[in-house]
Amino acid sequence: MLMIVHVADIIVNSHMSDSESEPDLSAIYPDAASIMGPQLETVSDWFPEVSEEIQSACEFFLEER
């Protein structure tokens, strides 16, 4: 589970810093890169659609009550 959170954090931060270029995935643990290789190779294809869901989740969980 920690590996998934680590990879997700890097993808989100990379995309948020520069959404026009390929994400910088160099900080991903080698084990994670080998396991998630196909998903990481196509991250630019699928991430823009997922980013809307991420924004919605952040708004929900970070909402002050």
Protein backbone atom coordinates (compact mmCIF):
# COMPACT_ATOMS: atom_id res chain seq x y z
CA MET A 1 0.00 0.00 0.00
CA LEU A 2 2.82 2.39 0.86
CA MET A 3 4.31 1.84 -2.59
CA ILE A 4 1.06 2.88 -4.27
CA VAL A 5 0.82 6.02 -2.15
CA HIS A 6 4.47 6.85 -2.91
CA VAL A 7 3.95 6.47 -6.67
CA ALA A 8 0.68 8.40 -6.60
CA ASP A 9 2.30 11.25 -4.68
CA ILE A 10 5.12 11.54 -7.22
CA ILE A 11 2.71 11.43 -10.18
CA VAL A 12 0.40 14.06 -8.70
CA ASN A 13 3.21 16.40 -7.64
CA SER A 14 4.96 16.07 -10.99
CA HIS A 15 1.78 16.72 -12.93
CA MET A 16 0.74 19.65 -10.76
CA SER A 17 4.13 21.33 -11.16
CA ASP A 18 4.11 21.07 -14.96
CA SER A 19 1.07 19.50 -16.58
CA GLU A 20 2.28 20.21 -20.11
CA SER A 21 5.33 17.97 -20.04
CA GLU A 22 5.94 14.31 -19.31
CA PRO A 23 5.93 13.67 -15.56
CA ASP A 24 9.29 13.23 -13.87
CA LEU A 25 9.14 9.74 -12.44
CA SER A 26 12.83 9.45 -11.60
CA ALA A 27 12.17 9.47 -7.83
CA ILE A 28 9.99 6.35 -7.92
CA TYR A 29 11.49 3.36 -6.13
CA PRO A 30 12.90 0.87 -8.65
CA ASP A 31 10.71 -1.92 -7.25
CA ALA A 32 7.61 0.20 -7.78
CA ALA A 33 8.68 1.11 -11.29
CA SER A 34 9.16 -2.53 -12.22
CA ILE A 35 5.77 -3.57 -10.81
CA MET A 36 3.82 -0.61 -12.19
CA GLY A 37 5.78 -0.20 -15.42
CA PRO A 38 2.89 -0.30 -17.93
CA GLN A 39 0.84 2.19 -15.93
CA LEU A 40 3.80 4.53 -15.56
CA GLU A 41 4.62 4.37 -19.26
CA THR A 42 1.14 5.64 -20.12
CA VAL A 43 0.63 8.05 -17.22
CA SER A 44 0.29 11.04 -19.56
CA ASP A 45 -2.60 9.30 -21.30
CA TRP A 46 -4.72 8.48 -18.27
CA PHE A 47 -3.72 10.98 -15.58
CA PRO A 48 -5.62 14.04 -16.87
CA GLU A 49 -8.93 12.21 -16.39
CA VAL A 50 -7.93 11.00 -12.94
CA SER A 51 -6.84 14.47 -11.83
CA GLU A 52 -10.48 15.62 -11.72
CA GLU A 53 -11.23 12.79 -9.28
CA ILE A 54 -8.18 13.71 -7.21
CA GLN A 55 -9.37 17.31 -6.96
CA SER A 56 -12.81 16.18 -5.89
CA ALA A 57 -11.35 13.87 -3.23
CA CYS A 58 -9.09 16.63 -1.91
CA GLU A 59 -12.02 19.00 -1.63
CA PHE A 60 -14.03 16.39 0.24
CA PHE A 61 -11.34 15.28 2.68
CA LEU A 62 -9.77 18.69 3.25
CA GLU A 63 -13.06 20.52 3.68
CA GLU A 64 -13.24 22.33 6.99
CA ARG A 65 -16.18 21.25 9.09
